[in-house]
Amino acid sequence: AELLAEAGLPEGAFSVVHGDKEAVDALLTHPDVDAVSFVGSTPIARYIYETATASGKRAQALGGAKNHAMVLPDADIDVAADAIASAAFGSAGQRCMAISAVVSVGEETADALAAAVADRARALKVGPGSQEGVEMGPLVTPEARDRVVAYIEKAGAGGAEVVVDGREAELPEGGFFVGPTVVDRVEPEMEVYRDEVFGPLLVMLRAGSFDEGLDLVNANPYGNGAAIFTADGGAAREFRNRVQAGMVGVNVPIPVPMAYYSFGGWKDSLFGDLHVHGREGVLFYTRGKVVTERWPRRAHGTDYGFPTQS
């Protein structure tokens, strides 16, 4: 806020307000607030949207995500593994565009992909960003680290195969570190799949066909983003048209949000009608107005028809 003020931004255009729910509720209900935009967890996003709209405000509230990558048998396994490992473990998985679930079509594809991603996870160097060569840093809080560890334990206890265990990685002393984790043979009813873990934990599921895999992706309550890896343009087009997600990647692990296109998901990943960024972002932060004008040179008399042609 201070830097923006020094740059010449008008006073009051940007403010930083510290507070908890009481401060948030004040903003959500104050008559001087016209619109509310939010990014956070799904339960809070739903609350923000419901409270703001009940007070007559425009609202866009972005919630949680469980971004999927579906990998078909004709995909280049190395290309898919590189992209998925990067999307799953970059920023320690603490970003809303992280790939946290993979659906492999066919057992052979699933086995090859799990092995390839596991190799990349084991080779990843974890440590503080101040050290040269580090590729993944710590989680944001000890609670976040403990949450990831708890999900790893639940996954193993529930019958999934922990292929790479982040608890066993070579980690620095101190800090909130946990290594990249790959869990294979996950079932849709498992908590590690249903919940947004928000950490370096990748779950891998298996499907027998394209339709079975797509149904699995669409059954998830989140709809932030989804990607497909394939060499078949027809399959990619079918996925693109039928997948229930707001952002779709084809042979890319969901594109990074850019200012020039609208960003946001479907289902429990977004509450509101308009996404952020792009044209939809402009529409949200502005109000449309229609003006009808006429500058008559002389009186034409009274016309009781609909005034569209004169």
Protein backbone atom coordinates (compact mmCIF):
# COMPACT_ATOMS: atom_id res chain seq x y z
CA ALA A 1 0.00 0.00 0.00
CA GLU A 2 2.85 2.41 0.83
CA LEU A 3 4.65 1.68 -2.45
CA LEU A 4 1.48 2.22 -4.46
CA ALA A 5 0.89 5.52 -2.68
CA GLU A 6 4.45 6.60 -3.50
CA ALA A 7 3.82 5.66 -7.13
CA GLY A 8 0.90 8.09 -7.24
CA LEU A 9 -2.15 5.89 -6.70
CA PRO A 10 -4.97 8.06 -5.30
CA GLU A 11 -5.52 7.84 -1.56
CA GLY A 12 -8.06 5.18 -0.63
CA ALA A 13 -7.83 3.31 -3.93
CA PHE A 14 -5.87 0.49 -2.28
CA SER A 15 -5.84 -0.33 1.43
CA VAL A 16 -4.54 -3.17 3.58
CA VAL A 17 -6.83 -3.99 6.50
CA HIS A 18 -5.77 -6.47 9.16
CA GLY A 19 -8.49 -8.42 10.92
CA ASP A 20 -10.42 -11.65 11.32
CA LYS A 21 -14.03 -12.60 10.67
CA GLU A 22 -15.34 -9.47 12.38
CA ALA A 23 -13.45 -7.23 9.95
CA VAL A 24 -14.52 -9.35 6.98
CA ASP A 25 -18.18 -9.26 8.01
CA ALA A 26 -17.97 -5.49 8.30
CA LEU A 27 -16.79 -5.26 4.69
CA LEU A 28 -19.37 -7.77 3.47
CA THR A 29 -22.28 -5.79 4.92
CA HIS A 30 -21.11 -2.16 4.77
CA PRO A 31 -23.25 0.03 2.49
CA ASP A 32 -20.19 1.69 0.94
CA VAL A 33 -18.88 -1.63 -0.41
CA ASP A 34 -20.36 -2.43 -3.83
CA ALA A 35 -18.50 -5.62 -4.75
CA VAL A 36 -16.42 -8.32 -3.06
CA SER A 37 -13.77 -10.56 -4.63
CA PHE A 38 -12.21 -13.44 -2.68
CA VAL A 39 -9.81 -16.36 -3.11
CA GLY A 40 -9.56 -19.05 -0.43
CA SER A 41 -11.06 -22.33 0.74
CA THR A 42 -14.45 -23.51 -0.50
CA PRO A 43 -16.32 -23.24 2.84
CA ILE A 44 -15.15 -19.64 3.30
CA ALA A 45 -15.80 -18.81 -0.36
CA ARG A 46 -19.36 -20.03 0.00
CA TYR A 47 -19.83 -17.95 3.16
CA ILE A 48 -18.35 -14.84 1.53
CA TYR A 49 -20.63 -15.20 -1.49
CA GLU A 50 -23.80 -15.87 0.49
CA THR A 51 -23.19 -13.03 2.95
CA ALA A 52 -22.19 -10.46 0.33
CA THR A 53 -25.06 -11.22 -2.03
CA ALA A 54 -27.54 -11.21 0.84
CA SER A 55 -26.41 -7.62 1.42
CA GLY A 56 -27.07 -6.75 -2.22
CA LYS A 57 -23.45 -6.77 -3.37
CA ARG A 58 -21.79 -8.28 -6.41
CA ALA A 59 -19.51 -11.12 -5.38
CA GLN A 60 -16.99 -13.48 -6.91
CA ALA A 61 -15.57 -16.01 -4.48
CA LEU A 62 -12.99 -18.52 -5.69
CA GLY A 63 -12.77 -21.67 -3.59
CA GLY A 64 -10.69 -24.83 -3.44
CA ALA A 65 -9.44 -27.10 -6.19
CA LYS A 66 -8.56 -30.68 -7.02
CA ASN A 67 -7.04 -30.23 -10.44
CA HIS A 68 -6.87 -33.41 -12.52
CA ALA A 69 -4.61 -34.57 -15.31
CA MET A 70 -5.90 -37.43 -17.44
CA VAL A 71 -3.25 -39.41 -19.31
CA LEU A 72 -4.23 -41.59 -22.28
CA PRO A 73 -2.28 -44.63 -23.54
CA ASP A 74 -1.00 -42.74 -26.59
CA ALA A 75 0.54 -39.92 -24.53
CA ASP A 76 4.30 -39.39 -24.38
CA ILE A 77 5.00 -40.63 -20.85
CA ASP A 78 8.14 -38.54 -20.37
CA VAL A 79 6.40 -35.35 -21.51
CA ALA A 80 3.45 -36.07 -19.24
CA ALA A 81 5.66 -36.99 -16.27
CA ASP A 82 7.75 -33.83 -16.61
CA ALA A 83 4.67 -31.63 -16.75
CA ILE A 84 2.82 -33.40 -13.95
CA ALA A 85 5.80 -33.44 -11.56
CA SER A 86 6.35 -29.74 -12.17
CA ALA A 87 2.68 -28.90 -11.62
CA ALA A 88 2.34 -31.13 -8.56
CA PHE A 89 5.49 -30.16 -6.68
CA GLY A 90 6.27 -26.62 -7.80
CA SER A 91 5.71 -24.16 -4.94
CA ALA A 92 5.46 -27.28 -2.75
CA GLY A 93 2.00 -27.86 -4.20
CA GLN A 94 0.71 -24.75 -2.44
CA ARG A 95 -1.00 -23.08 -5.39
CA CYS A 96 -4.53 -23.24 -6.70
CA MET A 97 -3.35 -24.41 -10.14
CA ALA A 98 -1.35 -27.38 -8.84
CA ILE A 99 -2.09 -30.78 -10.37
CA SER A 100 -2.95 -32.91 -7.35
CA ALA A 101 -4.72 -35.86 -9.01
CA VAL A 102 -3.82 -37.96 -12.06
CA VAL A 103 -6.16 -40.35 -13.84
CA SER A 104 -4.31 -42.86 -16.02
CA VAL A 105 -6.26 -44.80 -18.63
CA GLY A 106 -5.12 -48.42 -18.74
CA GLU A 107 -2.91 -50.39 -16.37
CA GLU A 108 0.16 -50.20 -18.60
CA THR A 109 -0.13 -46.42 -18.83
CA ALA A 110 -0.67 -46.15 -15.08
CA ASP A 111 2.36 -48.28 -14.21
CA ALA A 112 4.67 -46.42 -16.60
CA LEU A 113 3.48 -42.99 -15.51
CA ALA A 114 3.69 -43.78 -11.78
CA ALA A 115 7.28 -44.97 -12.20
CA ALA A 116 8.26 -41.93 -14.26
CA VAL A 117 6.73 -39.40 -11.87
CA ALA A 118 8.24 -41.24 -8.89
CA ASP A 119 11.72 -40.98 -10.44
CA ARG A 120 11.31 -37.23 -10.78
CA ALA A 121 9.97 -36.87 -7.25
CA ARG A 122 12.93 -38.74 -5.75
CA ALA A 123 15.40 -36.59 -7.66
CA LEU A 124 13.84 -33.31 -6.57
CA LYS A 125 16.01 -31.27 -4.18
CA VAL A 126 14.16 -29.89 -1.16
CA GLY A 127 15.47 -27.05 0.98
CA PRO A 128 15.43 -23.32 1.68
CA GLY A 129 15.30 -21.04 -1.33
CA SER A 130 18.53 -19.38 -0.23
CA GLN A 131 20.48 -22.51 -1.19
CA GLU A 132 21.64 -22.99 -4.76
CA GLY A 133 20.01 -25.83 -6.67
CA VAL A 134 16.94 -26.12 -4.44
CA GLU A 135 13.81 -26.96 -6.43
CA MET A 136 11.16 -27.11 -3.71
CA GLY A 137 10.89 -25.15 -0.48
CA PRO A 138 8.98 -25.61 2.78
CA LEU A 139 5.28 -25.43 3.43
CA VAL A 140 3.89 -22.19 4.74
CA THR A 141 3.18 -23.26 8.36
CA PRO A 142 3.79 -26.23 10.66
CA GLU A 143 0.06 -26.93 10.50
CA ALA A 144 0.25 -27.19 6.70
CA ARG A 145 3.16 -29.63 6.98
CA ASP A 146 1.36 -31.72 9.59
CA ARG A 147 -1.75 -31.81 7.40
CA VAL A 148 0.20 -33.29 4.49
CA VAL A 149 1.85 -35.85 6.78
CA ALA A 150 -1.55 -36.86 8.15
CA TYR A 151 -2.94 -37.44 4.65
CA ILE A 152 0.05 -39.59 3.73
CA GLU A 153 -0.62 -41.74 6.79
CA LYS A 154 -4.35 -42.00 5.96
CA ALA A 155 -3.62 -42.96 2.36
CA GLY A 156 -1.31 -45.80 3.35
CA ALA A 157 -3.66 -47.02 6.05
CA GLY A 158 -6.57 -46.93 3.61
CA GLY A 159 -4.94 -49.29 1.13
CA ALA A 160 -3.30 -46.91 -1.33
CA GLU A 161 0.31 -47.49 -2.40
CA VAL A 162 2.69 -44.79 -1.16
CA VAL A 163 5.26 -44.97 -3.95
CA VAL A 164 7.32 -41.99 -2.79
CA ASP A 165 6.96 -41.00 0.88
CA GLY A 166 7.76 -37.37 1.61
CA ARG A 167 8.19 -38.18 5.28
CA GLU A 168 11.26 -40.24 4.43
CA ALA A 169 12.94 -37.66 2.22
CA GLU A 170 16.28 -36.12 3.15
CA LEU A 171 15.12 -32.83 4.61
CA PRO A 172 16.89 -29.83 6.19
CA GLU A 173 16.89 -29.33 9.94
CA GLY A 174 14.13 -27.01 11.11
CA GLY A 175 11.55 -25.46 8.86
CA PHE A 176 8.24 -26.87 7.70
CA PHE A 177 9.57 -29.33 5.15
CA VAL A 178 8.02 -32.46 3.71
CA GLY A 179 9.26 -34.15 0.58
CA PRO A 180 7.32 -34.71 -2.64
CA THR A 181 4.92 -37.62 -2.26
CA VAL A 182 3.39 -39.91 -4.88
CA VAL A 183 0.45 -42.13 -3.89
CA ASP A 184 -0.75 -44.68 -6.45
CA ARG A 185 -3.83 -46.93 -6.62
CA VAL A 186 -6.00 -44.34 -4.91
CA GLU A 187 -9.76 -44.88 -4.90
CA PRO A 188 -12.31 -42.05 -5.32
CA GLU A 189 -13.78 -42.54 -1.85
CA MET A 190 -10.45 -41.97 -0.06
CA GLU A 191 -10.01 -38.72 1.85
CA VAL A 192 -6.65 -38.08 0.23
CA TYR A 193 -8.52 -37.80 -3.07
CA ARG A 194 -11.73 -36.11 -1.93
CA ASP A 195 -10.05 -33.30 0.01
CA GLU A 196 -7.85 -30.45 -1.13
CA VAL A 197 -4.57 -31.24 0.64
CA PHE A 198 -2.65 -28.17 -0.61
CA GLY A 199 0.83 -29.59 -0.45
CA PRO A 200 3.34 -31.72 -2.41
CA LEU A 201 1.12 -34.80 -2.46
CA LEU A 202 0.10 -36.29 -5.81
CA VAL A 203 -2.58 -38.98 -5.94
CA MET A 204 -2.85 -41.33 -8.91
CA LEU A 205 -6.04 -43.12 -9.92
CA ARG A 206 -6.69 -45.70 -12.64
CA ALA A 207 -9.46 -45.94 -15.22
CA GLY A 208 -10.25 -48.61 -17.77
CA SER A 209 -11.38 -46.28 -20.55
CA PHE A 210 -11.57 -42.66 -21.65
CA ASP A 211 -15.22 -42.37 -20.60
CA GLU A 212 -14.56 -43.94 -17.20
CA GLY A 213 -11.70 -41.54 -16.58
CA LEU A 214 -13.69 -38.50 -17.66
CA ASP A 215 -16.64 -39.54 -15.49
CA LEU A 216 -14.27 -39.79 -12.54
CA VAL A 217 -12.92 -36.28 -13.16
CA ASN A 218 -16.41 -34.84 -13.56
CA ALA A 219 -17.71 -36.53 -10.40
CA ASN A 220 -15.28 -34.56 -8.25
CA PRO A 221 -17.00 -31.62 -6.50
CA TYR A 222 -14.24 -29.22 -7.55
CA GLY A 223 -14.01 -27.85 -11.07
CA ASN A 224 -11.11 -25.43 -11.09
CA GLY A 225 -8.97 -26.94 -13.83
CA ALA A 226 -8.27 -30.15 -15.72
CA ALA A 227 -5.73 -31.31 -18.28
CA ILE A 228 -5.37 -34.15 -20.76
CA PHE A 229 -2.20 -35.67 -22.20
CA THR A 230 -2.70 -37.42 -25.53
CA ALA A 231 -1.56 -37.53 -29.14
CA ASP A 232 -5.17 -37.90 -30.33
CA GLY A 233 -6.76 -34.62 -31.37
CA GLY A 234 -10.23 -36.14 -31.35
CA ALA A 235 -9.86 -37.35 -27.77
CA ALA A 236 -8.51 -33.95 -26.74
CA ARG A 237 -11.49 -32.20 -28.33
CA GLU A 238 -13.92 -34.60 -26.65
CA PHE A 239 -12.26 -33.95 -23.28
CA ARG A 240 -12.22 -30.21 -23.82
CA ASN A 241 -15.93 -30.15 -24.62
CA ARG A 242 -17.16 -32.53 -21.92
CA VAL A 243 -14.93 -31.92 -18.91
CA GLN A 244 -16.61 -29.92 -16.13
CA ALA A 245 -13.83 -27.50 -15.29
CA GLY A 246 -13.35 -23.80 -15.86
CA MET A 247 -9.80 -24.05 -17.21
CA VAL A 248 -8.53 -26.80 -19.48
CA GLY A 249 -5.05 -27.75 -20.65
CA VAL A 250 -4.22 -29.99 -23.60
CA ASN A 251 -0.74 -31.47 -23.18
CA VAL A 252 -0.04 -28.70 -20.66
CA PRO A 253 -0.77 -29.06 -16.93
CA ILE A 254 -3.42 -26.30 -16.92
CA PRO A 255 -2.23 -22.92 -18.22
CA VAL A 256 -0.94 -20.37 -15.74
CA PRO A 257 -3.46 -17.53 -15.30
CA MET A 258 -2.74 -14.53 -17.50
CA ALA A 259 -4.27 -11.08 -17.21
CA TYR A 260 -5.78 -11.28 -20.68
CA TYR A 261 -8.00 -14.31 -20.12
CA SER A 262 -10.58 -14.93 -17.45
CA PHE A 263 -9.46 -17.21 -14.63
CA GLY A 264 -11.62 -19.35 -12.40
CA GLY A 265 -13.36 -22.68 -12.01
CA TRP A 266 -16.77 -24.29 -11.94
CA LYS A 267 -18.77 -26.13 -9.29
CA ASP A 268 -17.37 -25.75 -5.75
CA SER A 269 -14.33 -23.87 -7.06
CA LEU A 270 -16.23 -20.65 -7.82
CA PHE A 271 -19.26 -18.92 -6.37
CA GLY A 272 -20.50 -16.15 -8.63
CA ASP A 273 -21.18 -15.48 -12.29
CA LEU A 274 -17.93 -13.82 -13.36
CA HIS A 275 -14.34 -15.05 -13.23
CA VAL A 276 -11.29 -12.91 -12.42
CA HIS A 277 -8.93 -11.41 -15.02
CA GLY A 278 -9.71 -10.83 -18.68
CA ARG A 279 -13.00 -9.44 -19.94
CA GLU A 280 -14.99 -11.02 -17.09
CA GLY A 281 -12.75 -9.28 -14.55
CA VAL A 282 -13.39 -5.93 -16.23
CA LEU A 283 -17.13 -6.60 -16.22
CA PHE A 284 -17.07 -7.44 -12.52
CA TYR A 285 -15.27 -4.26 -11.46
CA THR A 286 -17.33 -1.94 -13.67
CA ARG A 287 -21.03 -1.20 -14.17
CA GLY A 288 -22.65 -1.10 -17.58
CA LYS A 289 -24.79 1.86 -18.55
CA VAL A 290 -27.06 2.39 -21.57
CA VAL A 291 -27.72 5.95 -22.76
CA THR A 292 -30.33 6.88 -25.37
CA GLU A 293 -29.99 10.41 -26.80
CA ARG A 294 -31.72 12.47 -29.43
CA TRP A 295 -31.00 16.00 -30.62
CA PRO A 296 -34.09 16.99 -32.65
CA ARG A 297 -33.89 19.96 -35.00
CA ARG A 298 -37.64 20.51 -34.80
CA ALA A 299 -40.68 18.99 -33.15
CA HIS A 300 -42.08 15.93 -34.94
CA GLY A 301 -45.28 15.56 -32.98
CA THR A 302 -46.25 12.76 -30.65
CA ASP A 303 -45.46 9.17 -31.68
CA TYR A 304 -46.84 6.37 -29.49
CA GLY A 305 -44.91 3.62 -31.27
CA PHE A 306 -41.76 1.99 -29.93
CA PRO A 307 -38.99 4.58 -30.51
CA THR A 308 -36.41 2.56 -32.42
CA GLN A 309 -36.57 3.84 -36.00
CA SER A 310 -36.88 7.60 -35.62
